């Protein structure tokens, strides 16, 4: 084998390794995006729940001192 053949083989190996790495990173990114969307949905539900509870307490009878004070 010549130096040119060795260099081509080395470049092909590097390209294959980089392609595999890119695929793995893409899979990880897709998974992280799914987790982010789930977290965002959960935050939206908790925000709605908090606002609902806040609205309910606004209409509640204010806390006053008991008559024996």
PDB file of N, CA and C in Angstrom:
ATOM      1  N   UNK A   1       0.843  -1.187   0.000  1.00  0.00           N
ATOM      2  CA  UNK A   1       0.000   0.000   0.000  1.00  0.00           C
ATOM      3  C   UNK A   1       0.881   1.241   0.000  1.00  0.00           C
ATOM      4  N   UNK A   2       0.402   2.236  -0.676  1.00  0.00           N
ATOM      5  CA  UNK A   2       1.183   3.470  -0.735  1.00  0.00           C
ATOM      6  C   UNK A   2       0.728   4.437   0.350  1.00  0.00           C
ATOM      7  N   UNK A   3       1.483   5.495   0.492  1.00  0.00           N
ATOM      8  CA  UNK A   3       1.112   6.529   1.466  1.00  0.00           C
ATOM      9  C   UNK A   3      -0.256   7.122   1.155  1.00  0.00           C
ATOM     10  N   UNK A   4      -0.558   7.267  -0.124  1.00  0.00           N
ATOM     11  CA  UNK A   4      -1.859   7.826  -0.528  1.00  0.00           C
ATOM     12  C   UNK A   4      -2.981   6.884  -0.100  1.00  0.00           C
ATOM     13  N   UNK A   5      -2.775   5.580  -0.296  1.00  0.00           N
ATOM     14  CA  UNK A   5      -3.793   4.603   0.117  1.00  0.00           C
ATOM     15  C   UNK A   5      -3.980   4.621   1.634  1.00  0.00           C
ATOM     16  N   UNK A   6      -2.886   4.706   2.372  1.00  0.00           N
ATOM     17  CA  UNK A   6      -2.966   4.779   3.835  1.00  0.00           C
ATOM     18  C   UNK A   6      -3.713   6.028   4.284  1.00  0.00           C
ATOM     19  N   UNK A   7      -3.422   7.131   3.627  1.00  0.00           N
ATOM     20  CA  UNK A   7      -4.097   8.393   3.995  1.00  0.00           C
ATOM     21  C   UNK A   7      -5.587   8.312   3.689  1.00  0.00           C
ATOM     22  N   UNK A   8      -5.935   7.706   2.556  1.00  0.00           N
ATOM     23  CA  UNK A   8      -7.353   7.567   2.199  1.00  0.00           C
ATOM     24  C   UNK A   8      -8.051   6.664   3.213  1.00  0.00           C
ATOM     25  N   UNK A   9      -7.415   5.571   3.585  1.00  0.00           N
ATOM     26  CA  UNK A   9      -7.988   4.656   4.585  1.00  0.00           C
ATOM     27  C   UNK A   9      -8.189   5.381   5.914  1.00  0.00           C
ATOM     28  N   UNK A  10      -7.193   6.142   6.329  1.00  0.00           N
ATOM     29  CA  UNK A  10      -7.297   6.904   7.569  1.00  0.00           C
ATOM     30  C   UNK A  10      -8.442   7.910   7.501  1.00  0.00           C
ATOM     31  N   UNK A  11      -8.562   8.613   6.375  1.00  0.00           N
ATOM     32  CA  UNK A  11      -9.658   9.580   6.214  1.00  0.00           C
ATOM     33  C   UNK A  11     -11.021   8.888   6.223  1.00  0.00           C
ATOM     34  N   UNK A  12     -11.110   7.712   5.600  1.00  0.00           N
ATOM     35  CA  UNK A  12     -12.369   6.966   5.610  1.00  0.00           C
ATOM     36  C   UNK A  12     -12.731   6.532   7.025  1.00  0.00           C
ATOM     37  N   UNK A  13     -11.751   6.094   7.795  1.00  0.00           N
ATOM     38  CA  UNK A  13     -12.004   5.701   9.188  1.00  0.00           C
ATOM     39  C   UNK A  13     -12.471   6.901  10.007  1.00  0.00           C
ATOM     40  N   UNK A  14     -11.800   8.020   9.809  1.00  0.00           N
ATOM     41  CA  UNK A  14     -12.190   9.237  10.547  1.00  0.00           C
ATOM     42  C   UNK A  14     -13.605   9.663  10.167  1.00  0.00           C
ATOM     43  N   UNK A  15     -13.926   9.594   8.884  1.00  0.00           N
ATOM     44  CA  UNK A  15     -15.263   9.968   8.416  1.00  0.00           C
ATOM     45  C   UNK A  15     -16.328   9.052   9.017  1.00  0.00           C
ATOM     46  N   UNK A  16     -16.050   7.751   9.046  1.00  0.00           N
ATOM     47  CA  UNK A  16     -17.005   6.799   9.628  1.00  0.00           C
ATOM     48  C   UNK A  16     -17.211   7.093  11.113  1.00  0.00           C
ATOM     49  N   UNK A  17     -16.119   7.380  11.823  1.00  0.00           N
ATOM     50  CA  UNK A  17     -16.215   7.695  13.248  1.00  0.00           C
ATOM     51  C   UNK A  17     -17.032   8.980  13.463  1.00  0.00           C
ATOM     52  N   UNK A  18     -16.764   9.987  12.656  1.00  0.00           N
ATOM     53  CA  UNK A  18     -17.494  11.254  12.792  1.00  0.00           C
ATOM     54  C   UNK A  18     -18.969  11.086  12.461  1.00  0.00           C
ATOM     55  N   UNK A  19     -19.277  10.288  11.441  1.00  0.00           N
ATOM     56  CA  UNK A  19     -20.673  10.036  11.083  1.00  0.00           C
ATOM     57  C   UNK A  19     -21.404   9.345  12.227  1.00  0.00           C
ATOM     58  N   UNK A  20     -20.742   8.384  12.862  1.00  0.00           N
ATOM     59  CA  UNK A  20     -21.351   7.688  14.011  1.00  0.00           C
ATOM     60  C   UNK A  20     -21.569   8.656  15.168  1.00  0.00           C
ATOM     61  N   UNK A  21     -20.580   9.516  15.424  1.00  0.00           N
ATOM     62  CA  UNK A  21     -20.695  10.495  16.501  1.00  0.00           C
ATOM     63  C   UNK A  21     -21.842  11.462  16.236  1.00  0.00           C
ATOM     64  N   UNK A  22     -21.967  11.918  15.008  1.00  0.00           N
ATOM     65  CA  UNK A  22     -23.052  12.839  14.647  1.00  0.00           C
ATOM     66  C   UNK A  22     -24.404  12.162  14.855  1.00  0.00           C
ATOM     67  N   UNK A  23     -24.513  10.904  14.467  1.00  0.00           N
ATOM     68  CA  UNK A  23     -25.769  10.171  14.654  1.00  0.00           C
ATOM     69  C   UNK A  23     -26.109  10.035  16.139  1.00  0.00           C
ATOM     70  N   UNK A  24     -25.106   9.712  16.956  1.00  0.00           N
ATOM     71  CA  UNK A  24     -25.339   9.592  18.405  1.00  0.00           C
ATOM     72  C   UNK A  24     -25.751  10.929  19.005  1.00  0.00           C
ATOM     73  N   UNK A  25     -25.103  12.000  18.585  1.00  0.00           N
ATOM     74  CA  UNK A  25     -25.457  13.326  19.090  1.00  0.00           C
ATOM     75  C   UNK A  25     -26.867  13.722  18.657  1.00  0.00           C
ATOM     76  N   UNK A  26     -27.223  13.379  17.448  1.00  0.00           N
ATOM     77  CA  UNK A  26     -28.569  13.669  16.957  1.00  0.00           C
ATOM     78  C   UNK A  26     -29.622  12.926  17.786  1.00  0.00           C
ATOM     79  N   UNK A  27     -29.336  11.656  18.107  1.00  0.00           N
ATOM     80  CA  UNK A  27     -30.260  10.881  18.943  1.00  0.00           C
ATOM     81  C   UNK A  27     -30.392  11.507  20.334  1.00  0.00           C
ATOM     82  N   UNK A  28     -29.277  11.926  20.898  1.00  0.00           N
ATOM     83  CA  UNK A  28     -29.298  12.568  22.216  1.00  0.00           C
ATOM     84  C   UNK A  28     -30.079  13.873  22.183  1.00  0.00           C
ATOM     85  N   UNK A  29     -29.884  14.644  21.127  1.00  0.00           N
ATOM     86  CA  UNK A  29     -30.604  15.909  20.984  1.00  0.00           C
ATOM     87  C   UNK A  29     -32.110  15.674  20.881  1.00  0.00           C
ATOM     88  N   UNK A  30     -32.497  14.659  20.125  1.00  0.00           N
ATOM     89  CA  UNK A  30     -33.919  14.334  19.999  1.00  0.00           C
ATOM     90  C   UNK A  30     -34.496  13.930  21.353  1.00  0.00           C
ATOM     91  N   UNK A  31     -33.752  13.151  22.118  1.00  0.00           N
ATOM     92  CA  UNK A  31     -34.208  12.734  23.451  1.00  0.00           C
ATOM     93  C   UNK A  31     -34.329  13.930  24.392  1.00  0.00           C
ATOM     94  N   UNK A  32     -33.342  14.806  24.362  1.00  0.00           N
ATOM     95  CA  UNK A  32     -33.379  15.995  25.213  1.00  0.00           C
ATOM     96  C   UNK A  32     -34.535  16.911  24.820  1.00  0.00           C
ATOM     97  N   UNK A  33     -34.826  17.000  23.537  1.00  0.00           N
ATOM     98  CA  UNK A  33     -35.947  17.822  23.081  1.00  0.00           C
ATOM     99  C   UNK A  33     -37.262  17.259  23.629  1.00  0.00           C
ATOM    100  N   UNK A  34     -37.382  15.926  23.636  1.00  0.00           N
ATOM    101  CA  UNK A  34     -38.589  15.289  24.172  1.00  0.00           C
ATOM    102  C   UNK A  34     -38.742  15.615  25.662  1.00  0.00           C
ATOM    103  N   UNK A  35     -37.642  15.515  26.408  1.00  0.00           N
ATOM    104  CA  UNK A  35     -37.668  15.826  27.844  1.00  0.00           C
ATOM    105  C   UNK A  35     -38.026  17.296  28.054  1.00  0.00           C
ATOM    106  N   UNK A  36     -37.472  18.178  27.241  1.00  0.00           N
ATOM    107  CA  UNK A  36     -37.771  19.608  27.346  1.00  0.00           C
ATOM    108  C   UNK A  36     -39.248  19.875  27.101  1.00  0.00           C
ATOM    109  N   UNK A  37     -39.817  19.256  26.102  1.00  0.00           N
ATOM    110  CA  UNK A  37     -41.244  19.444  25.812  1.00  0.00           C
ATOM    111  C   UNK A  37     -42.109  18.915  26.956  1.00  0.00           C
ATOM    112  N   UNK A  38     -41.738  17.776  27.538  1.00  0.00           N
ATOM    113  CA  UNK A  38     -42.489  17.240  28.673  1.00  0.00           C
ATOM    114  C   UNK A  38     -42.402  18.191  29.871  1.00  0.00           C
ATOM    115  N   UNK A  39     -41.213  18.727  30.101  1.00  0.00           N
ATOM    116  CA  UNK A  39     -41.014  19.660  31.214  1.00  0.00           C
ATOM    117  C   UNK A  39     -41.809  20.937  30.990  1.00  0.00           C
ATOM    118  N   UNK A  40     -41.807  21.417  29.766  1.00  0.00           N
ATOM    119  CA  UNK A  40     -42.569  22.627  29.440  1.00  0.00           C
ATOM    120  C   UNK A  40     -44.064  22.407  29.657  1.00  0.00           C
ATOM    121  N   UNK A  41     -44.566  21.247  29.250  1.00  0.00           N
ATOM    122  CA  UNK A  41     -45.979  20.933  29.436  1.00  0.00           C
ATOM    123  C   UNK A  41     -46.312  20.848  30.930  1.00  0.00           C
ATOM    124  N   UNK A  42     -45.426  20.240  31.704  1.00  0.00           N
ATOM    125  CA  UNK A  42     -45.645  20.128  33.147  1.00  0.00           C
ATOM    126  C   UNK A  42     -45.644  21.514  33.798  1.00  0.00           C
ATOM    127  N   UNK A  43     -44.718  22.364  33.380  1.00  0.00           N
ATOM    128  CA  UNK A  43     -44.665  23.725  33.905  1.00  0.00           C
ATOM    129  C   UNK A  43     -45.945  24.484  33.563  1.00  0.00           C
ATOM    130  N   UNK A  44     -46.437  24.326  32.350  1.00  0.00           N
ATOM    131  CA  UNK A  44     -47.689  24.987  31.964  1.00  0.00           C
ATOM    132  C   UNK A  44     -48.850  24.521  32.844  1.00  0.00           C
ATOM    133  N   UNK A  45     -48.915  23.202  33.107  1.00  0.00           N
ATOM    134  CA  UNK A  45     -49.995  22.686  33.964  1.00  0.00           C
ATOM    135  C   UNK A  45     -49.865  23.223  35.392  1.00  0.00           C
ATOM    136  N   UNK A  46     -48.639  23.247  35.913  1.00  0.00           N
ATOM    137  CA  UNK A  46     -48.435  23.761  37.270  1.00  0.00           C
ATOM    138  C   UNK A  46     -48.743  25.255  37.358  1.00  0.00           C
ATOM    139  N   UNK A  47     -48.400  25.998  36.328  1.00  0.00           N
ATOM    140  CA  UNK A  47     -48.706  27.425  36.311  1.00  0.00           C
ATOM    141  C   UNK A  47     -50.213  27.644  36.331  1.00  0.00           C
ATOM    142  N   UNK A  48     -50.934  26.898  35.508  1.00  0.00           N
ATOM    143  CA  UNK A  48     -52.403  27.009  35.501  1.00  0.00           C
ATOM    144  C   UNK A  48     -52.986  26.639  36.863  1.00  0.00           C
ATOM    145  N   UNK A  49     -52.452  25.589  37.457  1.00  0.00           N
ATOM    146  CA  UNK A  49     -52.943  25.157  38.773  1.00  0.00           C
ATOM    147  C   UNK A  49     -52.680  26.231  39.832  1.00  0.00           C
ATOM    148  N   UNK A  50     -51.481  26.800  39.813  1.00  0.00           N
ATOM    149  CA  UNK A  50     -51.130  27.862  40.754  1.00  0.00           C
ATOM    150  C   UNK A  50     -52.043  29.066  40.579  1.00  0.00           C
ATOM    151  N   UNK A  51     -52.259  29.480  39.333  1.00  0.00           N
ATOM    152  CA  UNK A  51     -53.124  30.634  39.091  1.00  0.00           C
ATOM    153  C   UNK A  51     -54.557  30.361  39.536  1.00  0.00           C
ATOM    154  N   UNK A  52     -55.003  29.128  39.330  1.00  0.00           N
ATOM    155  CA  UNK A  52     -56.346  28.762  39.770  1.00  0.00           C
ATOM    156  C   UNK A  52     -56.453  28.815  41.296  1.00  0.00           C
ATOM    157  N   UNK A  53     -55.467  28.268  41.985  1.00  0.00           N
ATOM    158  CA  UNK A  53     -55.475  28.306  43.452  1.00  0.00           C
ATOM    159  C   UNK A  53     -55.371  29.735  43.965  1.00  0.00           C
ATOM    160  N   UNK A  54     -54.567  30.527  43.315  1.00  0.00           N
ATOM    161  CA  UNK A  54     -54.431  31.926  43.703  1.00  0.00           C
ATOM    162  C   UNK A  54     -55.762  32.660  43.538  1.00  0.00           C
ATOM    163  N   UNK A  55     -56.461  32.372  42.464  1.00  0.00           N
ATOM    164  CA  UNK A  55     -57.773  32.994  42.221  1.00  0.00           C
ATOM    165  C   UNK A  55     -58.773  32.554  43.292  1.00  0.00           C
ATOM    166  N   UNK A  56     -58.727  31.292  43.682  1.00  0.00           N
ATOM    167  CA  UNK A  56     -59.652  30.788  44.706  1.00  0.00           C
ATOM    168  C   UNK A  56     -59.385  31.449  46.055  1.00  0.00           C
ATOM    169  N   UNK A  57     -58.136  31.632  46.403  1.00  0.00           N
ATOM    170  CA  UNK A  57     -57.828  32.226  47.710  1.00  0.00           C
ATOM    171  C   UNK A  57     -58.152  33.717  47.736  1.00  0.00           C
ATOM    172  N   UNK A  58     -58.123  34.346  46.588  1.00  0.00           N
ATOM    173  CA  UNK A  58     -58.467  35.756  46.526  1.00  0.00           C
ATOM    174  C   UNK A  58     -59.941  35.973  46.915  1.00  0.00           C
ATOM    175  N   UNK A  59     -60.789  34.994  46.543  1.00  0.00           N
ATOM    176  CA  UNK A  59     -62.215  35.082  46.838  1.00  0.00           C
ATOM    177  C   UNK A  59     -62.570  34.534  48.220  1.00  0.00           C
ATOM    178  N   UNK A  60     -61.632  33.920  48.905  1.00  0.00           N
ATOM    179  CA  UNK A  60     -61.898  33.310  50.211  1.00  0.00           C
ATOM    180  C   UNK A  60     -62.089  34.395  51.274  1.00  0.00           C
ATOM    181  N   UNK A  61     -62.725  33.995  52.355  1.00  0.00           N
ATOM    182  CA  UNK A  61     -62.928  34.905  53.477  1.00  0.00           C
ATOM    183  C   UNK A  61     -61.568  35.236  54.095  1.00  0.00           C
ATOM    184  N   UNK A  62     -61.319  36.506  54.343  1.00  0.00           N
ATOM    185  CA  UNK A  62     -60.031  36.855  54.934  1.00  0.00           C
ATOM    186  C   UNK A  62     -59.872  36.274  56.339  1.00  0.00           C
ATOM    187  N   UNK A  63     -58.667  35.964  56.689  1.00  0.00           N
ATOM    188  CA  UNK A  63     -58.374  35.417  58.007  1.00  0.00           C
ATOM    189  C   UNK A  63     -58.428  36.564  59.015  1.00  0.00           C
ATOM    190  N   UNK A  64     -59.236  36.358  60.052  1.00  0.00           N
ATOM    191  CA  UNK A  64     -59.349  37.377  61.099  1.00  0.00           C
ATOM    192  C   UNK A  64     -58.960  36.753  62.436  1.00  0.00           C
ATOM    193  N   UNK A  65     -58.765  37.585  63.421  1.00  0.00           N
ATOM    194  CA  UNK A  65     -58.419  37.082  64.756  1.00  0.00           C
ATOM    195  C   UNK A  65     -59.653  36.415  65.362  1.00  0.00           C
ATOM    196  N   UNK A  66     -59.445  35.347  66.058  1.00  0.00           N
ATOM    197  CA  UNK A  66     -60.563  34.688  66.754  1.00  0.00           C
ATOM    198  C   UNK A  66     -61.171  35.654  67.782  1.00  0.00           C
ATOM    199  N   UNK A  67     -62.447  35.464  68.114  1.00  0.00           N
ATOM    200  CA  UNK A  67     -63.126  36.382  69.044  1.00  0.00           C
ATOM    201  C   UNK A  67     -62.519  36.418  70.441  1.00  0.00           C
ATOM    202  N   UNK A  68     -61.807  35.390  70.875  1.00  0.00           N
ATOM    203  CA  UNK A  68     -61.284  35.388  72.244  1.00  0.00           C
ATOM    204  C   UNK A  68     -60.013  36.213  72.377  1.00  0.00           C
ATOM    205  N   UNK A  69     -59.530  36.855  71.326  1.00  0.00           N
ATOM    206  CA  UNK A  69     -58.353  37.718  71.451  1.00  0.00           C
ATOM    207  C   UNK A  69     -58.724  39.122  71.801  1.00  0.00           C
TER     208      UNK A  69
END
